[in-house]
PDB file of N, CA and C in Angstrom:
ATOM      1  N   MET A   1     105.050 201.014 -25.174  1.00  0.00           N
ATOM      2  CA  MET A   1     104.217 201.776 -24.270  1.00  0.00           C
ATOM      3  C   MET A   1     104.677 203.234 -24.212  1.00  0.00           C
ATOM      4  N   ILE A   2     106.002 203.431 -24.342  1.00  0.00           N
ATOM      5  CA  ILE A   2     106.539 204.785 -24.307  1.00  0.00           C
ATOM      6  C   ILE A   2     106.019 205.596 -25.491  1.00  0.00           C
ATOM      7  N   ALA A   3     105.907 204.954 -26.652  1.00  0.00           N
ATOM      8  CA  ALA A   3     105.417 205.651 -27.846  1.00  0.00           C
ATOM      9  C   ALA A   3     103.967 206.092 -27.660  1.00  0.00           C
ATOM     10  N   VAL A   4     103.142 205.247 -27.075  1.00  0.00           N
ATOM     11  CA  VAL A   4     101.738 205.595 -26.839  1.00  0.00           C
ATOM     12  C   VAL A   4     101.645 206.742 -25.844  1.00  0.00           C
ATOM     13  N   LEU A   5     102.449 206.683 -24.807  1.00  0.00           N
ATOM     14  CA  LEU A   5     102.476 207.762 -23.822  1.00  0.00           C
ATOM     15  C   LEU A   5     102.927 209.076 -24.472  1.00  0.00           C
ATOM     16  N   GLY A   6     103.946 209.001 -25.319  1.00  0.00           N
ATOM     17  CA  GLY A   6     104.414 210.189 -26.038  1.00  0.00           C
ATOM     18  C   GLY A   6     103.342 210.752 -26.956  1.00  0.00           C
ATOM     19  N   LEU A   7     102.588 209.875 -27.608  1.00  0.00           N
ATOM     20  CA  LEU A   7     101.498 210.318 -28.477  1.00  0.00           C
ATOM     21  C   LEU A   7     100.421 211.037 -27.676  1.00  0.00           C
ATOM     22  N   VAL A   8     100.047 210.474 -26.539  1.00  0.00           N
ATOM     23  CA  VAL A   8      99.023 211.092 -25.694  1.00  0.00           C
ATOM     24  C   VAL A   8      99.499 212.448 -25.187  1.00  0.00           C
ATOM     25  N   VAL A   9     100.735 212.514 -24.716  1.00  0.00           N
ATOM     26  CA  VAL A   9     101.284 213.779 -24.224  1.00  0.00           C
ATOM     27  C   VAL A   9     101.322 214.814 -25.349  1.00  0.00           C
ATOM     28  N   GLY A  10     101.715 214.401 -26.557  1.00  0.00           N
ATOM     29  CA  GLY A  10     101.768 215.308 -27.694  1.00  0.00           C
ATOM     30  C   GLY A  10     100.403 215.838 -28.087  1.00  0.00           C
ATOM     31  N   VAL A  11      99.396 214.980 -28.102  1.00  0.00           N
ATOM     32  CA  VAL A  11      98.041 215.409 -28.450  1.00  0.00           C
ATOM     33  C   VAL A  11      97.507 216.377 -27.395  1.00  0.00           C
ATOM     34  N   VAL A  12      97.704 216.057 -26.133  1.00  0.00           N
ATOM     35  CA  VAL A  12      97.233 216.941 -25.061  1.00  0.00           C
ATOM     36  C   VAL A  12      97.961 218.287 -25.137  1.00  0.00           C
ATOM     37  N   ALA A  13      99.266 218.267 -25.357  1.00  0.00           N
ATOM     38  CA  ALA A  13     100.019 219.519 -25.461  1.00  0.00           C
ATOM     39  C   ALA A  13      99.538 220.337 -26.656  1.00  0.00           C
ATOM     40  N   GLY A  14      99.250 219.689 -27.768  1.00  0.00           N
ATOM     41  CA  GLY A  14      98.741 220.394 -28.935  1.00  0.00           C
ATOM     42  C   GLY A  14      97.385 221.026 -28.687  1.00  0.00           C
ATOM     43  N   LEU A  15      96.534 220.342 -27.939  1.00  0.00           N
ATOM     44  CA  LEU A  15      95.211 220.892 -27.631  1.00  0.00           C
ATOM     45  C   LEU A  15      95.291 222.039 -26.641  1.00  0.00           C
ATOM     46  N   VAL A  16      96.218 221.967 -25.707  1.00  0.00           N
ATOM     47  CA  VAL A  16      96.349 223.009 -24.693  1.00  0.00           C
ATOM     48  C   VAL A  16      97.061 224.237 -25.263  1.00  0.00           C
ATOM     49  N   VAL A  17      98.173 224.026 -25.959  1.00  0.00           N
ATOM     50  CA  VAL A  17      98.989 225.137 -26.448  1.00  0.00           C
ATOM     51  C   VAL A  17      98.382 225.773 -27.699  1.00  0.00           C
ATOM     52  N   ARG A  18      97.716 224.978 -28.525  1.00  0.00           N
ATOM     53  CA  ARG A  18      97.123 225.449 -29.783  1.00  0.00           C
ATOM     54  C   ARG A  18      98.139 226.201 -30.637  1.00  0.00           C
ATOM     55  N   PRO A  19      99.141 225.461 -31.168  1.00  0.00           N
ATOM     56  CA  PRO A  19     100.177 226.128 -31.957  1.00  0.00           C
ATOM     57  C   PRO A  19      99.602 226.713 -33.251  1.00  0.00           C
ATOM     58  N   VAL A  20     100.210 227.789 -33.699  1.00  0.00           N
ATOM     59  CA  VAL A  20      99.802 228.455 -34.929  1.00  0.00           C
ATOM     60  C   VAL A  20     100.849 228.171 -35.996  1.00  0.00           C
ATOM     61  N   VAL A  21     100.405 227.666 -37.131  1.00  0.00           N
ATOM     62  CA  VAL A  21     101.311 227.381 -38.242  1.00  0.00           C
ATOM     63  C   VAL A  21     101.480 228.660 -39.046  1.00  0.00           C
ATOM     64  N   PRO A  22     102.718 229.106 -39.273  1.00  0.00           N
ATOM     65  CA  PRO A  22     102.929 230.315 -40.067  1.00  0.00           C
ATOM     66  C   PRO A  22     102.360 230.146 -41.479  1.00  0.00           C
ATOM     67  N   LEU A  23     101.839 231.223 -42.017  1.00  0.00           N
ATOM     68  CA  LEU A  23     101.190 231.193 -43.315  1.00  0.00           C
ATOM     69  C   LEU A  23     102.142 230.736 -44.416  1.00  0.00           C
ATOM     70  N   ALA A  24     103.424 231.071 -44.302  1.00  0.00           N
ATOM     71  CA  ALA A  24     104.396 230.696 -45.330  1.00  0.00           C
ATOM     72  C   ALA A  24     104.649 229.191 -45.354  1.00  0.00           C
ATOM     73  N   VAL A  25     104.464 228.525 -44.232  1.00  0.00           N
ATOM     74  CA  VAL A  25     104.747 227.091 -44.121  1.00  0.00           C
ATOM     75  C   VAL A  25     103.491 226.251 -44.356  1.00  0.00           C
ATOM     76  N   GLU A  26     102.341 226.879 -44.297  1.00  0.00           N
ATOM     77  CA  GLU A  26     101.069 226.164 -44.360  1.00  0.00           C
ATOM     78  C   GLU A  26     100.906 225.231 -45.566  1.00  0.00           C
ATOM     79  N   PRO A  27     101.325 225.610 -46.783  1.00  0.00           N
ATOM     80  CA  PRO A  27     101.138 224.694 -47.922  1.00  0.00           C
ATOM     81  C   PRO A  27     101.961 223.409 -47.828  1.00  0.00           C
ATOM     82  N   TYR A  28     103.026 223.438 -47.033  1.00  0.00           N
ATOM     83  CA  TYR A  28     103.927 222.291 -46.950  1.00  0.00           C
ATOM     84  C   TYR A  28     103.568 221.327 -45.829  1.00  0.00           C
ATOM     85  N   LEU A  29     102.713 221.742 -44.913  1.00  0.00           N
ATOM     86  CA  LEU A  29     102.369 220.914 -43.763  1.00  0.00           C
ATOM     87  C   LEU A  29     101.701 219.591 -44.146  1.00  0.00           C
ATOM     88  N   PRO A  30     100.701 219.579 -45.040  1.00  0.00           N
ATOM     89  CA  PRO A  30     100.093 218.290 -45.396  1.00  0.00           C
ATOM     90  C   PRO A  30     101.088 217.319 -46.044  1.00  0.00           C
ATOM     91  N   ILE A  31     101.985 217.852 -46.863  1.00  0.00           N
ATOM     92  CA  ILE A  31     102.992 217.016 -47.507  1.00  0.00           C
ATOM     93  C   ILE A  31     103.943 216.457 -46.457  1.00  0.00           C
ATOM     94  N   ALA A  32     104.323 217.284 -45.497  1.00  0.00           N
ATOM     95  CA  ALA A  32     105.215 216.830 -44.429  1.00  0.00           C
ATOM     96  C   ALA A  32     104.556 215.738 -43.591  1.00  0.00           C
ATOM     97  N   VAL A  33     103.261 215.866 -43.336  1.00  0.00           N
ATOM     98  CA  VAL A  33     102.544 214.854 -42.552  1.00  0.00           C
ATOM     99  C   VAL A  33     102.497 213.530 -43.313  1.00  0.00           C
ATOM    100  N   VAL A  34     102.217 213.583 -44.613  1.00  0.00           N
ATOM    101  CA  VAL A  34     102.179 212.352 -45.413  1.00  0.00           C
ATOM    102  C   VAL A  34     103.568 211.711 -45.454  1.00  0.00           C
ATOM    103  N   ALA A  35     104.615 212.525 -45.594  1.00  0.00           N
ATOM    104  CA  ALA A  35     105.980 211.988 -45.594  1.00  0.00           C
ATOM    105  C   ALA A  35     106.321 211.364 -44.242  1.00  0.00           C
ATOM    106  N   ALA A  36     105.888 211.986 -43.157  1.00  0.00           N
ATOM    107  CA  ALA A  36     106.126 211.423 -41.827  1.00  0.00           C
ATOM    108  C   ALA A  36     105.376 210.111 -41.648  1.00  0.00           C
ATOM    109  N   LEU A  37     104.136 210.038 -42.147  1.00  0.00           N
ATOM    110  CA  LEU A  37     103.372 208.787 -42.069  1.00  0.00           C
ATOM    111  C   LEU A  37     104.071 207.666 -42.843  1.00  0.00           C
ATOM    112  N   ASP A  38     104.666 208.012 -43.978  1.00  0.00           N
ATOM    113  CA  ASP A  38     105.415 207.017 -44.747  1.00  0.00           C
ATOM    114  C   ASP A  38     106.561 206.453 -43.910  1.00  0.00           C
ATOM    115  N   ALA A  39     107.286 207.317 -43.231  1.00  0.00           N
ATOM    116  CA  ALA A  39     108.391 206.856 -42.391  1.00  0.00           C
ATOM    117  C   ALA A  39     107.889 206.001 -41.225  1.00  0.00           C
ATOM    118  N   VAL A  40     106.766 206.388 -40.628  1.00  0.00           N
ATOM    119  CA  VAL A  40     106.217 205.631 -39.499  1.00  0.00           C
ATOM    120  C   VAL A  40     105.787 204.236 -39.945  1.00  0.00           C
ATOM    121  N   PHE A  41     105.071 204.151 -41.076  1.00  0.00           N
ATOM    122  CA  PHE A  41     104.657 202.834 -41.564  1.00  0.00           C
ATOM    123  C   PHE A  41     105.857 201.990 -41.971  1.00  0.00           C
ATOM    124  N   GLY A  42     106.880 202.624 -42.554  1.00  0.00           N
ATOM    125  CA  GLY A  42     108.101 201.896 -42.890  1.00  0.00           C
ATOM    126  C   GLY A  42     108.809 201.382 -41.648  1.00  0.00           C
ATOM    127  N   GLY A  43     108.828 202.190 -40.594  1.00  0.00           N
ATOM    128  CA  GLY A  43     109.437 201.755 -39.340  1.00  0.00           C
ATOM    129  C   GLY A  43     108.677 200.616 -38.688  1.00  0.00           C
ATOM    130  N   LEU A  44     107.354 200.687 -38.743  1.00  0.00           N
ATOM    131  CA  LEU A  44     106.539 199.603 -38.193  1.00  0.00           C
ATOM    132  C   LEU A  44     106.763 198.306 -38.963  1.00  0.00           C
ATOM    133  N   ARG A  45     106.838 198.420 -40.280  1.00  0.00           N
ATOM    134  CA  ARG A  45     107.104 197.238 -41.101  1.00  0.00           C
ATOM    135  C   ARG A  45     108.478 196.657 -40.766  1.00  0.00           C
ATOM    136  N   ALA A  46     109.480 197.518 -40.632  1.00  0.00           N
ATOM    137  CA  ALA A  46     110.823 197.047 -40.299  1.00  0.00           C
ATOM    138  C   ALA A  46     110.843 196.379 -38.930  1.00  0.00           C
ATOM    139  N   MET A  47     110.087 196.922 -37.982  1.00  0.00           N
ATOM    140  CA  MET A  47     110.025 196.329 -36.650  1.00  0.00           C
ATOM    141  C   MET A  47     109.427 194.925 -36.713  1.00  0.00           C
ATOM    142  N   LEU A  48     108.353 194.773 -37.482  1.00  0.00           N
ATOM    143  CA  LEU A  48     107.720 193.461 -37.598  1.00  0.00           C
ATOM    144  C   LEU A  48     108.609 192.468 -38.346  1.00  0.00           C
ATOM    145  N   ASP A  49     109.433 192.974 -39.274  1.00  0.00           N
ATOM    146  CA  ASP A  49     110.360 192.106 -40.006  1.00  0.00           C
ATOM    147  C   ASP A  49     111.627 191.813 -39.212  1.00  0.00           C
ATOM    148  N   GLY A  50     111.797 192.500 -38.073  1.00  0.00           N
ATOM    149  CA  GLY A  50     112.949 192.262 -37.218  1.00  0.00           C
ATOM    150  C   GLY A  50     114.208 192.976 -37.673  1.00  0.00           C
ATOM    151  N   ILE A  51     114.081 194.006 -38.500  1.00  0.00           N
ATOM    152  CA  ILE A  51     115.255 194.719 -39.001  1.00  0.00           C
ATOM    153  C   ILE A  51     115.215 196.203 -38.646  1.00  0.00           C
ATOM    154  N   PHE A  52     114.453 196.563 -37.635  1.00  0.00           N
ATOM    155  CA  PHE A  52     114.308 197.981 -37.255  1.00  0.00           C
ATOM    156  C   PHE A  52     115.603 198.501 -36.662  1.00  0.00           C
ATOM    157  N   ASP A  53     115.986 199.692 -37.096  1.00  0.00           N
ATOM    158  CA  ASP A  53     117.143 200.388 -36.542  1.00  0.00           C
ATOM    159  C   ASP A  53     116.710 201.823 -36.254  1.00  0.00           C
ATOM    160  N   ASP A  54     116.855 202.246 -35.010  1.00  0.00           N
ATOM    161  CA  ASP A  54     116.344 203.565 -34.641  1.00  0.00           C
ATOM    162  C   ASP A  54     117.046 204.702 -35.376  1.00  0.00           C
ATOM    163  N   LYS A  55     118.331 204.560 -35.655  1.00  0.00           N
ATOM    164  CA  LYS A  55     119.042 205.606 -36.393  1.00  0.00           C
ATOM    165  C   LYS A  55     118.506 205.720 -37.816  1.00  0.00           C
ATOM    166  N   VAL A  56     118.267 204.587 -38.447  1.00  0.00           N
ATOM    167  CA  VAL A  56     117.716 204.588 -39.801  1.00  0.00           C
ATOM    168  C   VAL A  56     116.330 205.206 -39.792  1.00  0.00           C
ATOM    169  N   PHE A  57     115.539 204.910 -38.771  1.00  0.00           N
ATOM    170  CA  PHE A  57     114.194 205.468 -38.680  1.00  0.00           C
ATOM    171  C   PHE A  57     114.225 206.989 -38.558  1.00  0.00           C
ATOM    172  N   VAL A  58     115.067 207.508 -37.682  1.00  0.00           N
ATOM    173  CA  VAL A  58     115.136 208.959 -37.478  1.00  0.00           C
ATOM    174  C   VAL A  58     115.606 209.652 -38.754  1.00  0.00           C
ATOM    175  N   VAL A  59     116.647 209.100 -39.391  1.00  0.00           N
ATOM    176  CA  VAL A  59     117.140 209.696 -40.639  1.00  0.00           C
ATOM    177  C   VAL A  59     116.075 209.616 -41.723  1.00  0.00           C
ATOM    178  N   SER A  60     115.384 208.493 -41.821  1.00  0.00           N
ATOM    179  CA  SER A  60     114.325 208.336 -42.817  1.00  0.00           C
ATOM    180  C   SER A  60     113.189 209.320 -42.558  1.00  0.00           C
ATOM    181  N   PHE A  61     112.792 209.445 -41.307  1.00  0.00           N
ATOM    182  CA  PHE A  61     111.704 210.352 -40.938  1.00  0.00           C
ATOM    183  C   PHE A  61     112.043 211.782 -41.338  1.00  0.00           C
ATOM    184  N   LEU A  62     113.209 212.253 -40.906  1.00  0.00           N
ATOM    185  CA  LEU A  62     113.592 213.635 -41.183  1.00  0.00           C
ATOM    186  C   LEU A  62     113.844 213.878 -42.670  1.00  0.00           C
ATOM    187  N   SER A  63     114.525 212.949 -43.325  1.00  0.00           N
ATOM    188  CA  SER A  63     114.826 213.159 -44.744  1.00  0.00           C
ATOM    189  C   SER A  63     113.557 213.095 -45.593  1.00  0.00           C
ATOM    190  N   ASN A  64     112.617 212.218 -45.268  1.00  0.00           N
ATOM    191  CA  ASN A  64     111.352 212.172 -46.006  1.00  0.00           C
ATOM    192  C   ASN A  64     110.629 213.513 -45.928  1.00  0.00           C
ATOM    193  N   VAL A  65     110.545 214.062 -44.729  1.00  0.00           N
ATOM    194  CA  VAL A  65     109.836 215.321 -44.541  1.00  0.00           C
ATOM    195  C   VAL A  65     110.545 216.455 -45.273  1.00  0.00           C
ATOM    196  N   VAL A  66     111.862 216.535 -45.135  1.00  0.00           N
ATOM    197  CA  VAL A  66     112.609 217.625 -45.760  1.00  0.00           C
ATOM    198  C   VAL A  66     112.580 217.523 -47.283  1.00  0.00           C
ATOM    199  N   VAL A  67     112.814 216.331 -47.822  1.00  0.00           N
ATOM    200  CA  VAL A  67     112.830 216.169 -49.279  1.00  0.00           C
ATOM    201  C   VAL A  67     111.451 216.438 -49.875  1.00  0.00           C
ATOM    202  N   ALA A  68     110.395 215.938 -49.249  1.00  0.00           N
ATOM    203  CA  ALA A  68     109.044 216.187 -49.759  1.00  0.00           C
ATOM    204  C   ALA A  68     108.720 217.677 -49.739  1.00  0.00           C
ATOM    205  N   ALA A  69     109.080 218.357 -48.655  1.00  0.00           N
ATOM    206  CA  ALA A  69     108.823 219.799 -48.574  1.00  0.00           C
ATOM    207  C   ALA A  69     109.643 220.563 -49.603  1.00  0.00           C
ATOM    208  N   LEU A  70     110.898 220.152 -49.818  1.00  0.00           N
ATOM    209  CA  LEU A  70     111.734 220.821 -50.818  1.00  0.00           C
ATOM    210  C   LEU A  70     111.199 220.619 -52.235  1.00  0.00           C
ATOM    211  N   ILE A  71     110.694 219.437 -52.526  1.00  0.00           N
ATOM    212  CA  ILE A  71     110.118 219.192 -53.855  1.00  0.00           C
ATOM    213  C   ILE A  71     108.919 220.106 -54.081  1.00  0.00           C
ATOM    214  N   VAL A  72     108.058 220.214 -53.096  1.00  0.00           N
ATOM    215  CA  VAL A  72     106.884 221.077 -53.235  1.00  0.00           C
ATOM    216  C   VAL A  72     107.302 222.539 -53.292  1.00  0.00           C
ATOM    217  N   PHE A  73     108.284 222.945 -52.505  1.00  0.00           N
ATOM    218  CA  PHE A  73     108.791 224.317 -52.540  1.00  0.00           C
ATOM    219  C   PHE A  73     109.351 224.641 -53.920  1.00  0.00           C
ATOM    220  N   LEU A  74     110.146 223.733 -54.460  1.00  0.00           N
ATOM    221  CA  LEU A  74     110.697 223.930 -55.800  1.00  0.00           C
ATOM    222  C   LEU A  74     109.576 224.020 -56.833  1.00  0.00           C
ATOM    223  N   GLY A  75     108.569 223.186 -56.700  1.00  0.00           N
ATOM    224  CA  GLY A  75     107.421 223.242 -57.598  1.00  0.00           C
ATOM    225  C   GLY A  75     106.690 224.569 -57.509  1.00  0.00           C
ATOM    226  N   ASP A  76     106.569 225.099 -56.291  1.00  0.00           N
ATOM    227  CA  ASP A  76     105.942 226.416 -56.128  1.00  0.00           C
ATOM    228  C   ASP A  76     106.741 227.500 -56.834  1.00  0.00           C
ATOM    229  N   LYS A  77     108.052 227.432 -56.716  1.00  0.00           N
ATOM    230  CA  LYS A  77     108.910 228.433 -57.348  1.00  0.00           C
ATOM    231  C   LYS A  77     108.874 228.321 -58.876  1.00  0.00           C
ATOM    232  N   LEU A  78     108.681 227.110 -59.390  1.00  0.00           N
ATOM    233  CA  LEU A  78     108.611 226.900 -60.839  1.00  0.00           C
ATOM    234  C   LEU A  78     107.205 227.085 -61.394  1.00  0.00           C
ATOM    235  N   GLY A  79     106.229 227.233 -60.506  1.00  0.00           N
ATOM    236  CA  GLY A  79     104.854 227.434 -60.939  1.00  0.00           C
ATOM    237  C   GLY A  79     104.078 226.151 -61.167  1.00  0.00           C
ATOM    238  N   VAL A  80     104.622 225.042 -60.707  1.00  0.00           N
ATOM    239  CA  VAL A  80     103.936 223.752 -60.865  1.00  0.00           C
ATOM    240  C   VAL A  80     103.772 223.076 -59.498  1.00  0.00           C
ATOM    241  N   GLY A  81     103.509 223.877 -58.471  1.00  0.00           N
ATOM    242  CA  GLY A  81     103.421 223.361 -57.106  1.00  0.00           C
ATOM    243  C   GLY A  81     102.322 222.341 -56.915  1.00  0.00           C
ATOM    244  N   ALA A  82     101.162 222.579 -57.528  1.00  0.00           N
ATOM    245  CA  ALA A  82     100.041 221.648 -57.368  1.00  0.00           C
ATOM    246  C   ALA A  82     100.359 220.295 -57.984  1.00  0.00           C
ATOM    247  N   GLN A  83     101.002 220.307 -59.146  1.00  0.00           N
ATOM    248  CA  GLN A  83     101.329 219.044 -59.811  1.00  0.00           C
ATOM    249  C   GLN A  83     102.378 218.264 -59.027  1.00  0.00           C
ATOM    250  N   LEU A  84     103.400 218.956 -58.532  1.00  0.00           N
ATOM    251  CA  LEU A  84     104.418 218.253 -57.751  1.00  0.00           C
ATOM    252  C   LEU A  84     103.869 217.792 -56.410  1.00  0.00           C
ATOM    253  N   SER A  85     102.978 218.567 -55.812  1.00  0.00           N
ATOM    254  CA  SER A  85     102.337 218.134 -54.568  1.00  0.00           C
ATOM    255  C   SER A  85     101.549 216.852 -54.797  1.00  0.00           C
ATOM    256  N   THR A  86     100.810 216.819 -55.891  1.00  0.00           N
ATOM    257  CA  THR A  86     100.053 215.611 -56.224  1.00  0.00           C
ATOM    258  C   THR A  86     100.986 214.439 -56.444  1.00  0.00           C
ATOM    259  N   GLY A  87     102.082 214.671 -57.147  1.00  0.00           N
ATOM    260  CA  GLY A  87     103.052 213.607 -57.394  1.00  0.00           C
ATOM    261  C   GLY A  87     103.659 213.063 -56.116  1.00  0.00           C
ATOM    262  N   VAL A  88     104.016 213.957 -55.199  1.00  0.00           N
ATOM    263  CA  VAL A  88     104.597 213.528 -53.923  1.00  0.00           C
ATOM    264  C   VAL A  88     103.583 212.719 -53.122  1.00  0.00           C
ATOM    265  N   VAL A  89     102.341 213.184 -53.078  1.00  0.00           N
ATOM    266  CA  VAL A  89     101.304 212.465 -52.333  1.00  0.00           C
ATOM    267  C   VAL A  89     101.048 211.092 -52.948  1.00  0.00           C
ATOM    268  N   VAL A  90     101.038 210.996 -54.278  1.00  0.00           N
ATOM    269  CA  VAL A  90     100.808 209.702 -54.937  1.00  0.00           C
ATOM    270  C   VAL A  90     101.950 208.740 -54.618  1.00  0.00           C
ATOM    271  N   VAL A  91     103.184 209.195 -54.762  1.00  0.00           N
ATOM    272  CA  VAL A  91     104.335 208.312 -54.507  1.00  0.00           C
ATOM    273  C   VAL A  91     104.361 207.868 -53.046  1.00  0.00           C
ATOM    274  N   LEU A  92     104.192 208.808 -52.133  1.00  0.00           N
ATOM    275  CA  LEU A  92     104.207 208.435 -50.716  1.00  0.00           C
ATOM    276  C   LEU A  92     102.992 207.593 -50.352  1.00  0.00           C
ATOM    277  N   GLY A  93     101.850 207.863 -50.990  1.00  0.00           N
ATOM    278  CA  GLY A  93     100.662 207.044 -50.754  1.00  0.00           C
ATOM    279  C   GLY A  93     100.879 205.602 -51.186  1.00  0.00           C
ATOM    280  N   ILE A  94     101.530 205.419 -52.325  1.00  0.00           N
ATOM    281  CA  ILE A  94     101.837 204.057 -52.787  1.00  0.00           C
ATOM    282  C   ILE A  94     102.739 203.355 -51.781  1.00  0.00           C
ATOM    283  N   ARG A  95     103.743 204.075 -51.281  1.00  0.00           N
ATOM    284  CA  ARG A  95     104.651 203.473 -50.290  1.00  0.00           C
ATOM    285  C   ARG A  95     103.914 203.147 -48.991  1.00  0.00           C
ATOM    286  N   ILE A  96     103.027 204.042 -48.564  1.00  0.00           N
ATOM    287  CA  ILE A  96     102.270 203.801 -47.328  1.00  0.00           C
ATOM    288  C   ILE A  96     101.396 202.567 -47.480  1.00  0.00           C
ATOM    289  N   PHE A  97     100.666 202.462 -48.608  1.00  0.00           N
ATOM    290  CA  PHE A  97      99.800 201.298 -48.805  1.00  0.00           C
ATOM    291  C   PHE A  97     100.604 200.013 -48.978  1.00  0.00           C
ATOM    292  N   SER A  98     101.777 200.098 -49.580  1.00  0.00           N
ATOM    293  CA  SER A  98     102.640 198.925 -49.705  1.00  0.00           C
ATOM    294  C   SER A  98     103.100 198.454 -48.324  1.00  0.00           C
ATOM    295  N   ASN A  99     103.518 199.393 -47.497  1.00  0.00           N
ATOM    296  CA  ASN A  99     103.923 199.033 -46.132  1.00  0.00           C
ATOM    297  C   ASN A  99     102.736 198.521 -45.322  1.00  0.00           C
ATOM    298  N   ALA A 100     101.572 199.132 -45.496  1.00  0.00           N
ATOM    299  CA  ALA A 100     100.382 198.671 -44.773  1.00  0.00           C
ATOM    300  C   ALA A 100     100.016 197.250 -45.186  1.00  0.00           C
ATOM    301  N   ALA A 101     100.158 196.934 -46.473  1.00  0.00           N
ATOM    302  CA  ALA A 101      99.873 195.571 -46.933  1.00  0.00           C
ATOM    303  C   ALA A 101     100.866 194.577 -46.335  1.00  0.00           C
ATOM    304  N   ALA A 102     102.131 194.952 -46.267  1.00  0.00           N
ATOM    305  CA  ALA A 102     103.133 194.068 -45.670  1.00  0.00           C
ATOM    306  C   ALA A 102     102.868 193.880 -44.177  1.00  0.00           C
ATOM    307  N   ILE A 103     102.456 194.937 -43.504  1.00  0.00           N
ATOM    308  CA  ILE A 103     102.125 194.838 -42.078  1.00  0.00           C
ATOM    309  C   ILE A 103     100.927 193.921 -41.888  1.00  0.00           C
ATOM    310  N   ARG A 104      99.918 194.082 -42.727  1.00  0.00           N
ATOM    311  CA  ARG A 104      98.721 193.215 -42.646  1.00  0.00           C
ATOM    312  C   ARG A 104      99.094 191.759 -42.856  1.00  0.00           C
ATOM    313  N   ARG A 105      99.924 191.504 -43.873  1.00  0.00           N
ATOM    314  CA  ARG A 105     100.339 190.116 -44.139  1.00  0.00           C
ATOM    315  C   ARG A 105     101.108 189.546 -42.957  1.00  0.00           C
ATOM    316  N   HIS A 106     101.938 190.380 -42.337  1.00  0.00           N
ATOM    317  CA  HIS A 106     102.716 189.892 -41.202  1.00  0.00           C
ATOM    318  C   HIS A 106     101.839 189.624 -39.992  1.00  0.00           C
ATOM    319  N   VAL A 107     100.922 190.536 -39.702  1.00  0.00           N
ATOM    320  CA  VAL A 107     100.074 190.402 -38.517  1.00  0.00           C
ATOM    321  C   VAL A 107      99.097 189.254 -38.657  1.00  0.00           C
ATOM    322  N   PHE A 108      98.441 189.141 -39.842  1.00  0.00           N
ATOM    323  CA  PHE A 108      97.418 188.121 -40.033  1.00  0.00           C
ATOM    324  C   PHE A 108      97.934 186.862 -40.706  1.00  0.00           C
ATOM    325  N   ARG A 109      99.237 186.844 -40.992  1.00  0.00           N
ATOM    326  CA  ARG A 109      99.878 185.694 -41.651  1.00  0.00           C
ATOM    327  C   ARG A 109      99.152 185.320 -42.938  1.00  0.00           C
ATOM    328  N   ALA A 110      98.740 186.332 -43.678  1.00  0.00           N
ATOM    329  CA  ALA A 110      98.012 186.091 -44.930  1.00  0.00           C
ATOM    330  C   ALA A 110      98.780 186.646 -46.100  1.00  0.00           C
TER     331      ALA A 110
END
């Protein structure tokens, strides 16, 4: 229940404050969101499997976001930012769908 309350408070604060993303960080935001979603789905799967650890979740969340952003940043500096961005999204997308399938199997016992 605390997580849902935190989500509601965060959405309301975002709508009221209307934060501005700096132009230099803008290309990395979608990648960071996908990396964060990967960590969230992994945490949900771990919770359903009974092996959730909050420290592991926080480290996974932060490291996923930082590593994904660094890969895209490095790709931008090498001139292959679009290709590395696509690669990061594909890899994280595969992980997200794998975790979603495991969550579905656990919830529906299928």
